[in-house]
């Protein structure tokens, strides 16, 4: 099935009730059976699609969220996964910076937040205890980049599902980590965010 056909089918069948997020279930894994195998194939189809199309960020968050079957909480998408060796983490994809308390409220202690936004990077709002690593990608930088950064982001998500380690290969991410923890991340060494924890996010809200 072509990715565009899959998107249409997924949109027609998805649950309309997506406003409230429940606690982490870790029902999807990187192990190639059951729902895990479906997630792997969905991501691969999405990566091929973005390799073969222009670098347009509009719709990317929704496409990846649907491929991963993430749950919606306000403007953000969340899903909890286990790697093959048993590491459990929550992946968040959004258009604005994360708030740590949203991980805490759902009983999630390890998080990776991927943000693609036309707004400035205000940093993670560190109002809780969960360990969160955030990779902030400016929308303009993605759309002006050479290569296929959106496909690369999907590739990094695939690696995250396998190993529990997210590696930015685009060189575009601004990276921030709060509250320590067991997950690992890497970037190219030139893009670490300098925003302090607890930055004010009132203009756009945080979820």
C-alpha atoms as a PDB file:
ATOM      1  CA  UNK A   1       0.000   0.000   0.000  1.00  0.00           C
ATOM      2  CA  UNK A   2       1.306   3.439  -0.904  1.00  0.00           C
ATOM      3  CA  UNK A   3       1.812   5.850   1.990  1.00  0.00           C
ATOM      4  CA  UNK A   4      -0.802   8.321   0.712  1.00  0.00           C
ATOM      5  CA  UNK A   5      -3.381   5.507   0.500  1.00  0.00           C
ATOM      6  CA  UNK A   6      -2.473   4.348   3.995  1.00  0.00           C
ATOM      7  CA  UNK A   7      -2.888   7.898   5.336  1.00  0.00           C
ATOM      8  CA  UNK A   8      -6.380   8.117   3.875  1.00  0.00           C
ATOM      9  CA  UNK A   9      -7.379   4.744   5.317  1.00  0.00           C
ATOM     10  CA  UNK A  10      -5.889   5.606   8.711  1.00  0.00           C
ATOM     11  CA  UNK A  11      -7.744   8.940   8.815  1.00  0.00           C
ATOM     12  CA  UNK A  12     -11.047   7.243   8.021  1.00  0.00           C
ATOM     13  CA  UNK A  13     -10.690   4.640  10.769  1.00  0.00           C
ATOM     14  CA  UNK A  14      -8.976   6.483  13.604  1.00  0.00           C
ATOM     15  CA  UNK A  15     -10.833   7.041  16.869  1.00  0.00           C
ATOM     16  CA  UNK A  16     -12.474  10.469  16.983  1.00  0.00           C
ATOM     17  CA  UNK A  17     -12.052  10.691  20.765  1.00  0.00           C
ATOM     18  CA  UNK A  18      -8.464  11.938  21.121  1.00  0.00           C
ATOM     19  CA  UNK A  19      -8.675  14.779  23.613  1.00  0.00           C
ATOM     20  CA  UNK A  20      -7.618  13.029  26.845  1.00  0.00           C
ATOM     21  CA  UNK A  21      -4.476  10.989  27.294  1.00  0.00           C
ATOM     22  CA  UNK A  22      -4.369   8.016  29.638  1.00  0.00           C
ATOM     23  CA  UNK A  23      -1.326   6.604  31.418  1.00  0.00           C
ATOM     24  CA  UNK A  24       1.464   4.866  29.567  1.00  0.00           C
ATOM     25  CA  UNK A  25       0.634   1.396  28.279  1.00  0.00           C
ATOM     26  CA  UNK A  26       3.846   0.504  26.438  1.00  0.00           C
ATOM     27  CA  UNK A  27       1.722  -1.580  24.076  1.00  0.00           C
ATOM     28  CA  UNK A  28       3.883  -0.832  21.028  1.00  0.00           C
ATOM     29  CA  UNK A  29       7.382  -2.193  20.889  1.00  0.00           C
ATOM     30  CA  UNK A  30      10.250  -2.414  18.437  1.00  0.00           C
ATOM     31  CA  UNK A  31       9.898  -6.207  18.463  1.00  0.00           C
ATOM     32  CA  UNK A  32       8.741  -7.263  14.966  1.00  0.00           C
ATOM     33  CA  UNK A  33       5.446  -8.905  15.925  1.00  0.00           C
ATOM     34  CA  UNK A  34       1.903  -7.708  16.486  1.00  0.00           C
ATOM     35  CA  UNK A  35       1.497  -3.947  16.621  1.00  0.00           C
ATOM     36  CA  UNK A  36       5.275  -3.468  16.705  1.00  0.00           C
ATOM     37  CA  UNK A  37       5.653  -4.873  13.199  1.00  0.00           C
ATOM     38  CA  UNK A  38       2.896  -2.582  11.943  1.00  0.00           C
ATOM     39  CA  UNK A  39       4.607   0.465  13.444  1.00  0.00           C
ATOM     40  CA  UNK A  40       7.908  -0.481  11.819  1.00  0.00           C
ATOM     41  CA  UNK A  41       6.278  -0.806   8.394  1.00  0.00           C
ATOM     42  CA  UNK A  42       4.295   2.405   8.787  1.00  0.00           C
ATOM     43  CA  UNK A  43       7.455   4.348   9.642  1.00  0.00           C
ATOM     44  CA  UNK A  44       9.364   2.865   6.723  1.00  0.00           C
ATOM     45  CA  UNK A  45       6.548   3.852   4.341  1.00  0.00           C
ATOM     46  CA  UNK A  46       6.557   7.377   5.773  1.00  0.00           C
ATOM     47  CA  UNK A  47      10.330   7.657   5.416  1.00  0.00           C
ATOM     48  CA  UNK A  48      10.162   6.638   1.756  1.00  0.00           C
ATOM     49  CA  UNK A  49       7.406   9.183   1.173  1.00  0.00           C
ATOM     50  CA  UNK A  50       9.448  12.037   2.648  1.00  0.00           C
ATOM     51  CA  UNK A  51      12.589  10.962   0.786  1.00  0.00           C
ATOM     52  CA  UNK A  52      10.701  11.338  -2.466  1.00  0.00           C
ATOM     53  CA  UNK A  53       8.961  14.647  -1.763  1.00  0.00           C
ATOM     54  CA  UNK A  54       9.914  18.251  -1.066  1.00  0.00           C
ATOM     55  CA  UNK A  55      10.947  19.364   2.423  1.00  0.00           C
ATOM     56  CA  UNK A  56       7.542  20.621   3.519  1.00  0.00           C
ATOM     57  CA  UNK A  57       7.021  20.345   7.256  1.00  0.00           C
ATOM     58  CA  UNK A  58       3.283  20.949   7.140  1.00  0.00           C
ATOM     59  CA  UNK A  59       1.510  17.673   7.922  1.00  0.00           C
ATOM     60  CA  UNK A  60       4.681  15.883   9.035  1.00  0.00           C
ATOM     61  CA  UNK A  61       3.752  15.721  12.727  1.00  0.00           C
ATOM     62  CA  UNK A  62       0.350  14.262  11.892  1.00  0.00           C
ATOM     63  CA  UNK A  63       1.818  11.747   9.446  1.00  0.00           C
ATOM     64  CA  UNK A  64       4.382  10.453  11.938  1.00  0.00           C
ATOM     65  CA  UNK A  65       1.861  10.424  14.782  1.00  0.00           C
ATOM     66  CA  UNK A  66      -0.516   8.336  12.692  1.00  0.00           C
ATOM     67  CA  UNK A  67       2.269   5.976  11.622  1.00  0.00           C
ATOM     68  CA  UNK A  68       3.118   5.415  15.288  1.00  0.00           C
ATOM     69  CA  UNK A  69      -0.537   5.401  16.393  1.00  0.00           C
ATOM     70  CA  UNK A  70       0.207   8.082  18.981  1.00  0.00           C
ATOM     71  CA  UNK A  71      -2.445   9.495  21.295  1.00  0.00           C
ATOM     72  CA  UNK A  72      -3.358  13.172  21.149  1.00  0.00           C
ATOM     73  CA  UNK A  73      -3.182  15.465  24.168  1.00  0.00           C
ATOM     74  CA  UNK A  74      -4.134  19.022  23.209  1.00  0.00           C
ATOM     75  CA  UNK A  75      -1.735  19.961  20.374  1.00  0.00           C
ATOM     76  CA  UNK A  76       0.805  17.210  21.089  1.00  0.00           C
ATOM     77  CA  UNK A  77       1.016  13.499  20.265  1.00  0.00           C
ATOM     78  CA  UNK A  78       2.296  10.896  22.743  1.00  0.00           C
ATOM     79  CA  UNK A  79       3.091   7.189  22.727  1.00  0.00           C
ATOM     80  CA  UNK A  80       4.954   4.876  25.089  1.00  0.00           C
ATOM     81  CA  UNK A  81       7.251   2.173  23.692  1.00  0.00           C
ATOM     82  CA  UNK A  82       9.672  -0.525  24.799  1.00  0.00           C
ATOM     83  CA  UNK A  83      12.921  -1.324  23.041  1.00  0.00           C
ATOM     84  CA  UNK A  84      13.977  -4.897  22.359  1.00  0.00           C
ATOM     85  CA  UNK A  85      16.073  -4.900  25.536  1.00  0.00           C
ATOM     86  CA  UNK A  86      13.222  -3.612  27.687  1.00  0.00           C
ATOM     87  CA  UNK A  87      13.882   0.133  27.934  1.00  0.00           C
ATOM     88  CA  UNK A  88      10.599   1.988  28.251  1.00  0.00           C
ATOM     89  CA  UNK A  89      10.140   5.593  27.140  1.00  0.00           C
ATOM     90  CA  UNK A  90       7.490   8.005  25.942  1.00  0.00           C
ATOM     91  CA  UNK A  91       7.825   9.742  22.588  1.00  0.00           C
ATOM     92  CA  UNK A  92       6.200  13.150  22.175  1.00  0.00           C
ATOM     93  CA  UNK A  93       5.863  14.954  18.840  1.00  0.00           C
ATOM     94  CA  UNK A  94       4.596  18.516  18.741  1.00  0.00           C
ATOM     95  CA  UNK A  95       4.896  22.030  17.349  1.00  0.00           C
ATOM     96  CA  UNK A  96       5.930  23.570  20.705  1.00  0.00           C
ATOM     97  CA  UNK A  97       8.181  22.867  23.680  1.00  0.00           C
ATOM     98  CA  UNK A  98       7.354  20.185  26.216  1.00  0.00           C
ATOM     99  CA  UNK A  99       6.133  20.540  29.775  1.00  0.00           C
ATOM    100  CA  UNK A 100       7.622  17.925  32.104  1.00  0.00           C
ATOM    101  CA  UNK A 101       4.493  17.795  34.264  1.00  0.00           C
ATOM    102  CA  UNK A 102       2.535  16.228  31.393  1.00  0.00           C
ATOM    103  CA  UNK A 103       4.882  13.231  31.499  1.00  0.00           C
ATOM    104  CA  UNK A 104       4.621  13.038  35.294  1.00  0.00           C
ATOM    105  CA  UNK A 105       0.825  13.140  35.266  1.00  0.00           C
ATOM    106  CA  UNK A 106       0.699  10.045  33.043  1.00  0.00           C
ATOM    107  CA  UNK A 107       3.298   8.134  35.078  1.00  0.00           C
ATOM    108  CA  UNK A 108       6.015   8.465  32.448  1.00  0.00           C
ATOM    109  CA  UNK A 109       9.571   8.830  33.751  1.00  0.00           C
ATOM    110  CA  UNK A 110      11.587   8.819  30.493  1.00  0.00           C
ATOM    111  CA  UNK A 111      10.680  10.995  27.523  1.00  0.00           C
ATOM    112  CA  UNK A 112      11.926  12.114  24.122  1.00  0.00           C
ATOM    113  CA  UNK A 113      10.262  15.211  22.669  1.00  0.00           C
ATOM    114  CA  UNK A 114      10.575  16.056  18.976  1.00  0.00           C
ATOM    115  CA  UNK A 115       9.434  19.553  18.061  1.00  0.00           C
ATOM    116  CA  UNK A 116       9.042  21.065  14.606  1.00  0.00           C
ATOM    117  CA  UNK A 117       7.929  24.660  14.922  1.00  0.00           C
ATOM    118  CA  UNK A 118       7.721  28.016  13.195  1.00  0.00           C
ATOM    119  CA  UNK A 119       8.058  29.630  16.636  1.00  0.00           C
ATOM    120  CA  UNK A 120      11.241  30.315  18.569  1.00  0.00           C
ATOM    121  CA  UNK A 121      12.684  27.729  20.934  1.00  0.00           C
ATOM    122  CA  UNK A 122      11.795  28.668  24.521  1.00  0.00           C
ATOM    123  CA  UNK A 123      13.084  25.430  25.984  1.00  0.00           C
ATOM    124  CA  UNK A 124      11.484  22.683  28.028  1.00  0.00           C
ATOM    125  CA  UNK A 125       9.244  23.820  30.851  1.00  0.00           C
ATOM    126  CA  UNK A 126      10.839  21.852  33.695  1.00  0.00           C
ATOM    127  CA  UNK A 127       7.951  21.740  36.120  1.00  0.00           C
ATOM    128  CA  UNK A 128       8.243  18.089  37.106  1.00  0.00           C
ATOM    129  CA  UNK A 129      10.583  15.159  37.660  1.00  0.00           C
ATOM    130  CA  UNK A 130      10.549  13.106  34.430  1.00  0.00           C
ATOM    131  CA  UNK A 131      13.768  12.844  32.428  1.00  0.00           C
ATOM    132  CA  UNK A 132      13.054  14.512  29.079  1.00  0.00           C
ATOM    133  CA  UNK A 133      15.340  15.102  26.102  1.00  0.00           C
ATOM    134  CA  UNK A 134      14.005  17.508  23.501  1.00  0.00           C
ATOM    135  CA  UNK A 135      15.069  17.953  19.886  1.00  0.00           C
ATOM    136  CA  UNK A 136      13.798  21.248  18.526  1.00  0.00           C
ATOM    137  CA  UNK A 137      13.794  21.642  14.726  1.00  0.00           C
ATOM    138  CA  UNK A 138      13.026  25.110  13.320  1.00  0.00           C
ATOM    139  CA  UNK A 139      10.516  24.725  10.499  1.00  0.00           C
ATOM    140  CA  UNK A 140      12.296  27.234   8.290  1.00  0.00           C
ATOM    141  CA  UNK A 141      15.627  25.445   8.677  1.00  0.00           C
ATOM    142  CA  UNK A 142      14.063  22.142   7.630  1.00  0.00           C
ATOM    143  CA  UNK A 143      12.393  23.605   4.565  1.00  0.00           C
ATOM    144  CA  UNK A 144      15.579  25.373   3.445  1.00  0.00           C
ATOM    145  CA  UNK A 145      17.893  22.431   4.117  1.00  0.00           C
ATOM    146  CA  UNK A 146      19.668  20.352   1.528  1.00  0.00           C
ATOM    147  CA  UNK A 147      19.017  16.654   1.622  1.00  0.00           C
ATOM    148  CA  UNK A 148      15.890  15.157   3.182  1.00  0.00           C
ATOM    149  CA  UNK A 149      15.823  16.123   6.884  1.00  0.00           C
ATOM    150  CA  UNK A 150      12.251  14.938   7.462  1.00  0.00           C
ATOM    151  CA  UNK A 151      13.141  11.453   6.246  1.00  0.00           C
ATOM    152  CA  UNK A 152      16.232  11.581   8.476  1.00  0.00           C
ATOM    153  CA  UNK A 153      14.091  12.446  11.511  1.00  0.00           C
ATOM    154  CA  UNK A 154      11.966   9.386  10.814  1.00  0.00           C
ATOM    155  CA  UNK A 155      15.143   7.326  10.550  1.00  0.00           C
ATOM    156  CA  UNK A 156      16.225   8.633  13.956  1.00  0.00           C
ATOM    157  CA  UNK A 157      12.837   7.650  15.397  1.00  0.00           C
ATOM    158  CA  UNK A 158      13.308   4.155  13.980  1.00  0.00           C
ATOM    159  CA  UNK A 159      16.669   3.959  15.742  1.00  0.00           C
ATOM    160  CA  UNK A 160      15.082   5.249  18.952  1.00  0.00           C
ATOM    161  CA  UNK A 161      12.518   2.458  18.861  1.00  0.00           C
ATOM    162  CA  UNK A 162      15.272  -0.125  18.397  1.00  0.00           C
ATOM    163  CA  UNK A 163      17.815   1.138  20.899  1.00  0.00           C
ATOM    164  CA  UNK A 164      16.320   3.819  23.143  1.00  0.00           C
ATOM    165  CA  UNK A 165      18.847   6.300  21.703  1.00  0.00           C
ATOM    166  CA  UNK A 166      17.837   9.234  19.517  1.00  0.00           C
ATOM    167  CA  UNK A 167      20.560  10.616  17.255  1.00  0.00           C
ATOM    168  CA  UNK A 168      20.029  13.817  15.286  1.00  0.00           C
ATOM    169  CA  UNK A 169      21.632  13.265  11.874  1.00  0.00           C
ATOM    170  CA  UNK A 170      20.357  16.457  10.252  1.00  0.00           C
ATOM    171  CA  UNK A 171      22.559  18.931  12.131  1.00  0.00           C
ATOM    172  CA  UNK A 172      19.471  21.117  12.569  1.00  0.00           C
ATOM    173  CA  UNK A 173      18.242  20.140  16.045  1.00  0.00           C
ATOM    174  CA  UNK A 174      18.594  22.330  19.115  1.00  0.00           C
ATOM    175  CA  UNK A 175      18.937  19.850  21.966  1.00  0.00           C
ATOM    176  CA  UNK A 176      17.994  20.158  25.623  1.00  0.00           C
ATOM    177  CA  UNK A 177      17.883  17.576  28.434  1.00  0.00           C
ATOM    178  CA  UNK A 178      16.379  17.945  31.911  1.00  0.00           C
ATOM    179  CA  UNK A 179      16.370  15.805  35.067  1.00  0.00           C
ATOM    180  CA  UNK A 180      18.992  13.224  34.067  1.00  0.00           C
ATOM    181  CA  UNK A 181      17.950   9.623  33.404  1.00  0.00           C
ATOM    182  CA  UNK A 182      18.772   6.451  31.498  1.00  0.00           C
ATOM    183  CA  UNK A 183      17.972   7.339  27.890  1.00  0.00           C
ATOM    184  CA  UNK A 184      20.807   8.516  25.676  1.00  0.00           C
ATOM    185  CA  UNK A 185      20.866  11.004  22.850  1.00  0.00           C
ATOM    186  CA  UNK A 186      23.415  12.479  20.469  1.00  0.00           C
ATOM    187  CA  UNK A 187      23.510  15.412  18.117  1.00  0.00           C
ATOM    188  CA  UNK A 188      26.313  16.765  15.957  1.00  0.00           C
ATOM    189  CA  UNK A 189      27.818  18.700  18.865  1.00  0.00           C
ATOM    190  CA  UNK A 190      26.953  22.134  17.491  1.00  0.00           C
ATOM    191  CA  UNK A 191      23.287  22.537  18.292  1.00  0.00           C
ATOM    192  CA  UNK A 192      22.813  22.229  22.053  1.00  0.00           C
ATOM    193  CA  UNK A 193      20.025  24.486  23.262  1.00  0.00           C
ATOM    194  CA  UNK A 194      20.952  27.081  25.854  1.00  0.00           C
ATOM    195  CA  UNK A 195      17.461  27.719  27.177  1.00  0.00           C
ATOM    196  CA  UNK A 196      17.086  27.197  30.930  1.00  0.00           C
ATOM    197  CA  UNK A 197      14.635  24.719  32.387  1.00  0.00           C
ATOM    198  CA  UNK A 198      11.301  26.263  33.304  1.00  0.00           C
ATOM    199  CA  UNK A 199      11.275  28.735  30.428  1.00  0.00           C
ATOM    200  CA  UNK A 200       8.078  30.725  30.060  1.00  0.00           C
ATOM    201  CA  UNK A 201       5.742  29.170  27.489  1.00  0.00           C
ATOM    202  CA  UNK A 202       2.613  31.184  28.156  1.00  0.00           C
ATOM    203  CA  UNK A 203       2.300  32.647  24.657  1.00  0.00           C
ATOM    204  CA  UNK A 204       1.780  29.272  23.019  1.00  0.00           C
ATOM    205  CA  UNK A 205       0.844  26.997  25.881  1.00  0.00           C
ATOM    206  CA  UNK A 206       2.629  23.781  26.707  1.00  0.00           C
ATOM    207  CA  UNK A 207       1.429  20.223  26.300  1.00  0.00           C
END
